[in-house]
Amino acid sequence: KRWYIDKNVVISNNFKKLYFDIETDDSQKKIEIGRDRIVSFAAIDDEGNEFFYPLLEWSDDAEMAMLSKVMVLLQKYDIILGWNSKGFDLPYIKYRLARYDLHKKYGRVWSMLAKYDLWNRSRHIFRFDSHIKSFSLESMSQHFLQRGKIKHDEKIIELWKDNKTKLKEYNLEDCRLVKDLDEKLGISDMM
């Protein structure tokens, strides 16, 4: 604190936020972090701009291109926020970057980003709230926003193959829910 005062350092409280979500190949029985391809990345920023980057074809080159576009996008923001992102999305992206040696190119971008997991923080904040039965995105969205995730019967990989429009809406709606929950509850502002 003394250093801040002596150096007249001002800490901003106006950060550019990006709410994000990934969808992955779920064709195998159990999802394992980083084993299979990321089939889409979606995000919405604090100004309402939406982004959707699907895997354009089933190849390593296509996934590398998608991940590169994602990293270019991420470097425009100060904070990236997700739901269960610490336990799933972030390690998944990190593993896939490393698989293609993209961590060498984008490692600095990755390390400079503040990464918030709103699921983890919500579990802490609302742990004594007896009205909350689950901390899933669906449950929390229904409880606080009176709406939930887009329903689908297909696996994610089937949506990627046969219905990219629905995949896009599903992926983006998860981002909207995370953003709306954060804005309503003020979780990232507390962090």
C-alpha atoms as a PDB file:
ATOM      1  CA  LYS A   1       0.000   0.000   0.000  1.00  0.00           C
ATOM      2  CA  ARG A   2       2.872   2.331   0.839  1.00  0.00           C
ATOM      3  CA  TRP A   3       4.455   1.708  -2.570  1.00  0.00           C
ATOM      4  CA  TYR A   4       1.173   2.621  -4.278  1.00  0.00           C
ATOM      5  CA  ILE A   5       1.035   5.874  -2.335  1.00  0.00           C
ATOM      6  CA  ASP A   6       4.705   6.741  -2.865  1.00  0.00           C
ATOM      7  CA  LYS A   7       4.594   6.015  -6.588  1.00  0.00           C
ATOM      8  CA  ASN A   8       1.149   7.584  -7.052  1.00  0.00           C
ATOM      9  CA  VAL A   9      -0.125   4.370  -8.654  1.00  0.00           C
ATOM     10  CA  VAL A  10      -3.800   4.288  -9.541  1.00  0.00           C
ATOM     11  CA  ILE A  11      -5.458   0.890  -9.846  1.00  0.00           C
ATOM     12  CA  SER A  12      -8.222   0.809 -12.411  1.00  0.00           C
ATOM     13  CA  ASN A  13     -11.611  -0.556 -11.528  1.00  0.00           C
ATOM     14  CA  ASN A  14     -12.757  -0.422 -15.124  1.00  0.00           C
ATOM     15  CA  PHE A  15     -11.698  -3.710 -16.689  1.00  0.00           C
ATOM     16  CA  LYS A  16     -12.674  -5.102 -20.078  1.00  0.00           C
ATOM     17  CA  LYS A  17     -14.475  -8.379 -19.375  1.00  0.00           C
ATOM     18  CA  LEU A  18     -15.125 -11.312 -21.679  1.00  0.00           C
ATOM     19  CA  TYR A  19     -17.522 -14.113 -20.671  1.00  0.00           C
ATOM     20  CA  PHE A  20     -16.679 -17.332 -22.492  1.00  0.00           C
ATOM     21  CA  ASP A  21     -17.574 -20.993 -22.929  1.00  0.00           C
ATOM     22  CA  ILE A  22     -16.208 -23.880 -24.975  1.00  0.00           C
ATOM     23  CA  GLU A  23     -17.882 -26.969 -26.371  1.00  0.00           C
ATOM     24  CA  THR A  24     -15.867 -30.123 -26.921  1.00  0.00           C
ATOM     25  CA  ASP A  25     -16.088 -33.428 -28.746  1.00  0.00           C
ATOM     26  CA  ASP A  26     -18.282 -35.599 -26.540  1.00  0.00           C
ATOM     27  CA  SER A  27     -18.352 -38.670 -28.783  1.00  0.00           C
ATOM     28  CA  GLN A  28     -16.497 -40.781 -26.220  1.00  0.00           C
ATOM     29  CA  LYS A  29     -18.235 -42.005 -23.091  1.00  0.00           C
ATOM     30  CA  LYS A  30     -16.259 -39.885 -20.635  1.00  0.00           C
ATOM     31  CA  ILE A  31     -14.881 -36.417 -21.295  1.00  0.00           C
ATOM     32  CA  GLU A  32     -11.221 -36.124 -20.376  1.00  0.00           C
ATOM     33  CA  ILE A  33      -9.637 -32.672 -20.115  1.00  0.00           C
ATOM     34  CA  GLY A  34      -7.821 -31.854 -23.332  1.00  0.00           C
ATOM     35  CA  ARG A  35      -8.023 -35.290 -24.960  1.00  0.00           C
ATOM     36  CA  ASP A  36     -10.484 -34.413 -27.703  1.00  0.00           C
ATOM     37  CA  ARG A  37     -10.995 -31.438 -29.973  1.00  0.00           C
ATOM     38  CA  ILE A  38     -12.654 -28.196 -28.989  1.00  0.00           C
ATOM     39  CA  VAL A  39     -15.520 -27.868 -31.476  1.00  0.00           C
ATOM     40  CA  SER A  40     -16.539 -24.300 -30.658  1.00  0.00           C
ATOM     41  CA  PHE A  41     -15.665 -21.254 -28.593  1.00  0.00           C
ATOM     42  CA  ALA A  42     -18.224 -18.583 -27.769  1.00  0.00           C
ATOM     43  CA  ALA A  43     -17.937 -15.340 -25.866  1.00  0.00           C
ATOM     44  CA  ILE A  44     -19.771 -12.135 -25.048  1.00  0.00           C
ATOM     45  CA  ASP A  45     -18.071  -9.055 -23.702  1.00  0.00           C
ATOM     46  CA  ASP A  46     -19.288  -6.554 -21.140  1.00  0.00           C
ATOM     47  CA  GLU A  47     -20.555  -4.309 -23.965  1.00  0.00           C
ATOM     48  CA  GLY A  48     -22.697  -7.084 -25.464  1.00  0.00           C
ATOM     49  CA  ASN A  49     -20.495  -7.960 -28.464  1.00  0.00           C
ATOM     50  CA  GLU A  50     -20.832 -11.657 -29.253  1.00  0.00           C
ATOM     51  CA  PHE A  51     -18.207 -13.958 -30.750  1.00  0.00           C
ATOM     52  CA  PHE A  52     -18.523 -17.511 -32.038  1.00  0.00           C
ATOM     53  CA  TYR A  53     -15.633 -19.532 -33.437  1.00  0.00           C
ATOM     54  CA  PRO A  54     -16.609 -23.020 -34.580  1.00  0.00           C
ATOM     55  CA  LEU A  55     -14.207 -25.694 -35.748  1.00  0.00           C
ATOM     56  CA  LEU A  56     -14.511 -25.360 -39.538  1.00  0.00           C
ATOM     57  CA  GLU A  57     -13.404 -28.893 -40.387  1.00  0.00           C
ATOM     58  CA  TRP A  58     -12.215 -31.982 -38.555  1.00  0.00           C
ATOM     59  CA  SER A  59      -8.456 -31.409 -38.678  1.00  0.00           C
ATOM     60  CA  ASP A  60      -5.554 -30.303 -36.507  1.00  0.00           C
ATOM     61  CA  ASP A  61      -4.985 -27.302 -38.774  1.00  0.00           C
ATOM     62  CA  ALA A  62      -8.583 -26.157 -38.323  1.00  0.00           C
ATOM     63  CA  GLU A  63      -8.391 -26.458 -34.539  1.00  0.00           C
ATOM     64  CA  MET A  64      -5.063 -24.590 -34.500  1.00  0.00           C
ATOM     65  CA  ALA A  65      -6.617 -21.810 -36.579  1.00  0.00           C
ATOM     66  CA  MET A  66      -9.611 -21.602 -34.259  1.00  0.00           C
ATOM     67  CA  LEU A  67      -7.393 -21.506 -31.158  1.00  0.00           C
ATOM     68  CA  SER A  68      -5.271 -18.769 -32.725  1.00  0.00           C
ATOM     69  CA  LYS A  69      -8.396 -16.680 -33.379  1.00  0.00           C
ATOM     70  CA  VAL A  70      -9.458 -17.250 -29.761  1.00  0.00           C
ATOM     71  CA  MET A  71      -6.090 -16.091 -28.426  1.00  0.00           C
ATOM     72  CA  VAL A  72      -6.157 -12.954 -30.593  1.00  0.00           C
ATOM     73  CA  LEU A  73      -9.599 -12.188 -29.155  1.00  0.00           C
ATOM     74  CA  LEU A  74      -8.576 -12.878 -25.541  1.00  0.00           C
ATOM     75  CA  GLN A  75      -5.658 -10.464 -25.656  1.00  0.00           C
ATOM     76  CA  LYS A  76      -8.123  -7.591 -26.140  1.00  0.00           C
ATOM     77  CA  TYR A  77      -9.564  -8.149 -22.646  1.00  0.00           C
ATOM     78  CA  ASP A  78      -8.351  -7.776 -19.079  1.00  0.00           C
ATOM     79  CA  ILE A  79     -10.502 -10.472 -17.491  1.00  0.00           C
ATOM     80  CA  ILE A  80     -12.042 -13.639 -18.895  1.00  0.00           C
ATOM     81  CA  LEU A  81     -14.891 -15.190 -16.959  1.00  0.00           C
ATOM     82  CA  GLY A  82     -16.551 -18.569 -17.227  1.00  0.00           C
ATOM     83  CA  TRP A  83     -18.687 -21.079 -15.366  1.00  0.00           C
ATOM     84  CA  ASN A  84     -16.621 -23.958 -13.983  1.00  0.00           C
ATOM     85  CA  SER A  85     -13.864 -22.568 -16.173  1.00  0.00           C
ATOM     86  CA  LYS A  86     -11.111 -23.328 -13.656  1.00  0.00           C
ATOM     87  CA  GLY A  87     -12.102 -26.986 -13.609  1.00  0.00           C
ATOM     88  CA  PHE A  88     -12.876 -27.431 -17.294  1.00  0.00           C
ATOM     89  CA  ASP A  89     -12.614 -24.686 -19.938  1.00  0.00           C
ATOM     90  CA  LEU A  90      -9.287 -23.125 -18.920  1.00  0.00           C
ATOM     91  CA  PRO A  91      -7.305 -26.357 -18.516  1.00  0.00           C
ATOM     92  CA  TYR A  92      -8.902 -27.691 -21.696  1.00  0.00           C
ATOM     93  CA  ILE A  93      -7.827 -24.666 -23.738  1.00  0.00           C
ATOM     94  CA  LYS A  94      -4.378 -24.697 -22.141  1.00  0.00           C
ATOM     95  CA  TYR A  95      -3.916 -28.391 -22.968  1.00  0.00           C
ATOM     96  CA  ARG A  96      -5.012 -27.928 -26.579  1.00  0.00           C
ATOM     97  CA  LEU A  97      -2.688 -24.917 -26.987  1.00  0.00           C
ATOM     98  CA  ALA A  98       0.199 -27.029 -25.690  1.00  0.00           C
ATOM     99  CA  ARG A  99      -0.736 -29.925 -27.983  1.00  0.00           C
ATOM    100  CA  TYR A 100      -0.051 -27.701 -30.995  1.00  0.00           C
ATOM    101  CA  ASP A 101       2.864 -25.804 -29.401  1.00  0.00           C
ATOM    102  CA  LEU A 102       0.739 -22.652 -29.523  1.00  0.00           C
ATOM    103  CA  HIS A 103       1.540 -22.060 -25.854  1.00  0.00           C
ATOM    104  CA  LYS A 104       4.951 -20.842 -27.057  1.00  0.00           C
ATOM    105  CA  LYS A 105       3.335 -18.190 -29.220  1.00  0.00           C
ATOM    106  CA  TYR A 106       0.506 -17.218 -26.870  1.00  0.00           C
ATOM    107  CA  GLY A 107       1.938 -18.067 -23.455  1.00  0.00           C
ATOM    108  CA  ARG A 108       2.417 -14.424 -22.504  1.00  0.00           C
ATOM    109  CA  VAL A 109      -1.146 -13.543 -23.537  1.00  0.00           C
ATOM    110  CA  TRP A 110      -2.432 -16.478 -21.499  1.00  0.00           C
ATOM    111  CA  SER A 111      -0.411 -15.619 -18.393  1.00  0.00           C
ATOM    112  CA  MET A 112      -1.379 -11.924 -18.453  1.00  0.00           C
ATOM    113  CA  LEU A 113      -5.124 -12.599 -18.415  1.00  0.00           C
ATOM    114  CA  ALA A 114      -7.057 -12.503 -15.173  1.00  0.00           C
ATOM    115  CA  LYS A 115      -9.212 -15.624 -15.184  1.00  0.00           C
ATOM    116  CA  TYR A 116     -12.306 -15.797 -12.957  1.00  0.00           C
ATOM    117  CA  ASP A 117     -14.413 -18.869 -12.357  1.00  0.00           C
ATOM    118  CA  LEU A 118     -17.853 -17.604 -11.390  1.00  0.00           C
ATOM    119  CA  TRP A 119     -19.076 -21.101 -10.516  1.00  0.00           C
ATOM    120  CA  ASN A 120     -16.354 -21.494  -7.926  1.00  0.00           C
ATOM    121  CA  ARG A 121     -17.014 -18.051  -6.437  1.00  0.00           C
ATOM    122  CA  SER A 122     -20.795 -18.600  -6.432  1.00  0.00           C
ATOM    123  CA  ARG A 123     -20.359 -21.811  -4.471  1.00  0.00           C
ATOM    124  CA  HIS A 124     -18.492 -19.835  -1.838  1.00  0.00           C
ATOM    125  CA  ILE A 125     -20.860 -16.840  -1.711  1.00  0.00           C
ATOM    126  CA  PHE A 126     -24.107 -18.820  -1.666  1.00  0.00           C
ATOM    127  CA  ARG A 127     -22.952 -21.902   0.264  1.00  0.00           C
ATOM    128  CA  PHE A 128     -25.393 -21.234   3.110  1.00  0.00           C
ATOM    129  CA  ASP A 129     -28.384 -20.302   0.915  1.00  0.00           C
ATOM    130  CA  SER A 130     -30.842 -23.157   1.427  1.00  0.00           C
ATOM    131  CA  HIS A 131     -32.873 -22.112  -1.633  1.00  0.00           C
ATOM    132  CA  ILE A 132     -30.045 -23.063  -3.978  1.00  0.00           C
ATOM    133  CA  LYS A 133     -30.121 -26.792  -4.632  1.00  0.00           C
ATOM    134  CA  SER A 134     -27.300 -26.936  -7.193  1.00  0.00           C
ATOM    135  CA  PHE A 135     -24.582 -24.647  -8.489  1.00  0.00           C
ATOM    136  CA  SER A 136     -24.926 -25.785 -12.082  1.00  0.00           C
ATOM    137  CA  LEU A 137     -25.343 -23.003 -14.623  1.00  0.00           C
ATOM    138  CA  GLU A 138     -28.859 -24.254 -15.332  1.00  0.00           C
ATOM    139  CA  SER A 139     -29.906 -24.237 -11.676  1.00  0.00           C
ATOM    140  CA  MET A 140     -28.353 -20.864 -10.850  1.00  0.00           C
ATOM    141  CA  SER A 141     -29.803 -19.281 -13.997  1.00  0.00           C
ATOM    142  CA  GLN A 142     -33.270 -20.613 -13.244  1.00  0.00           C
ATOM    143  CA  HIS A 143     -33.015 -19.412  -9.645  1.00  0.00           C
ATOM    144  CA  PHE A 144     -31.711 -15.895 -10.301  1.00  0.00           C
ATOM    145  CA  LEU A 145     -32.710 -15.152 -13.922  1.00  0.00           C
ATOM    146  CA  GLN A 146     -35.853 -17.300 -14.325  1.00  0.00           C
ATOM    147  CA  ARG A 147     -34.455 -18.777 -17.543  1.00  0.00           C
ATOM    148  CA  GLY A 148     -31.983 -21.500 -18.366  1.00  0.00           C
ATOM    149  CA  LYS A 149     -29.815 -23.186 -20.917  1.00  0.00           C
ATOM    150  CA  ILE A 150     -31.033 -24.071 -24.398  1.00  0.00           C
ATOM    151  CA  LYS A 151     -32.338 -27.626 -24.387  1.00  0.00           C
ATOM    152  CA  HIS A 152     -31.102 -30.204 -26.874  1.00  0.00           C
ATOM    153  CA  ASP A 153     -31.241 -33.980 -27.151  1.00  0.00           C
ATOM    154  CA  GLU A 154     -28.239 -34.347 -29.432  1.00  0.00           C
ATOM    155  CA  LYS A 155     -24.666 -34.714 -28.304  1.00  0.00           C
ATOM    156  CA  ILE A 156     -22.456 -31.685 -28.900  1.00  0.00           C
ATOM    157  CA  ILE A 157     -20.567 -33.519 -31.632  1.00  0.00           C
ATOM    158  CA  GLU A 158     -23.889 -34.183 -33.404  1.00  0.00           C
ATOM    159  CA  LEU A 159     -24.765 -30.491 -33.217  1.00  0.00           C
ATOM    160  CA  TRP A 160     -21.357 -29.673 -34.689  1.00  0.00           C
ATOM    161  CA  LYS A 161     -21.901 -32.129 -37.559  1.00  0.00           C
ATOM    162  CA  ASP A 162     -25.592 -31.523 -38.268  1.00  0.00           C
ATOM    163  CA  ASN A 163     -26.841 -28.299 -36.679  1.00  0.00           C
ATOM    164  CA  LYS A 164     -24.186 -25.601 -36.267  1.00  0.00           C
ATOM    165  CA  THR A 165     -26.898 -22.965 -35.862  1.00  0.00           C
ATOM    166  CA  LYS A 166     -28.195 -24.679 -32.732  1.00  0.00           C
ATOM    167  CA  LEU A 167     -24.625 -25.253 -31.503  1.00  0.00           C
ATOM    168  CA  LYS A 168     -23.964 -21.528 -31.874  1.00  0.00           C
ATOM    169  CA  GLU A 169     -27.117 -20.563 -29.994  1.00  0.00           C
ATOM    170  CA  TYR A 170     -26.441 -23.125 -27.251  1.00  0.00           C
ATOM    171  CA  ASN A 171     -22.822 -22.016 -26.827  1.00  0.00           C
ATOM    172  CA  LEU A 172     -23.643 -18.288 -26.888  1.00  0.00           C
ATOM    173  CA  GLU A 173     -26.601 -18.637 -24.526  1.00  0.00           C
ATOM    174  CA  ASP A 174     -24.317 -20.177 -21.902  1.00  0.00           C
ATOM    175  CA  CYS A 175     -22.131 -17.059 -22.205  1.00  0.00           C
ATOM    176  CA  ARG A 176     -25.159 -14.775 -21.921  1.00  0.00           C
ATOM    177  CA  LEU A 177     -26.306 -16.598 -18.799  1.00  0.00           C
ATOM    178  CA  VAL A 178     -22.889 -16.250 -17.164  1.00  0.00           C
ATOM    179  CA  LYS A 179     -22.781 -12.542 -18.053  1.00  0.00           C
ATOM    180  CA  ASP A 180     -26.315 -11.914 -16.806  1.00  0.00           C
ATOM    181  CA  LEU A 181     -25.664 -13.784 -13.554  1.00  0.00           C
ATOM    182  CA  ASP A 182     -22.496 -11.791 -12.986  1.00  0.00           C
ATOM    183  CA  GLU A 183     -24.209  -8.482 -13.691  1.00  0.00           C
ATOM    184  CA  LYS A 184     -27.163  -9.330 -11.453  1.00  0.00           C
ATOM    185  CA  LEU A 185     -25.108 -10.714  -8.567  1.00  0.00           C
ATOM    186  CA  GLY A 186     -21.984  -8.551  -8.929  1.00  0.00           C
ATOM    187  CA  ILE A 187     -19.676 -11.524  -8.396  1.00  0.00           C
ATOM    188  CA  SER A 188     -16.702 -10.349 -10.464  1.00  0.00           C
ATOM    189  CA  ASP A 189     -16.887  -6.864  -8.973  1.00  0.00           C
ATOM    190  CA  MET A 190     -16.438  -8.438  -5.529  1.00  0.00           C
ATOM    191  CA  MET A 191     -13.425 -10.371  -6.800  1.00  0.00           C
END
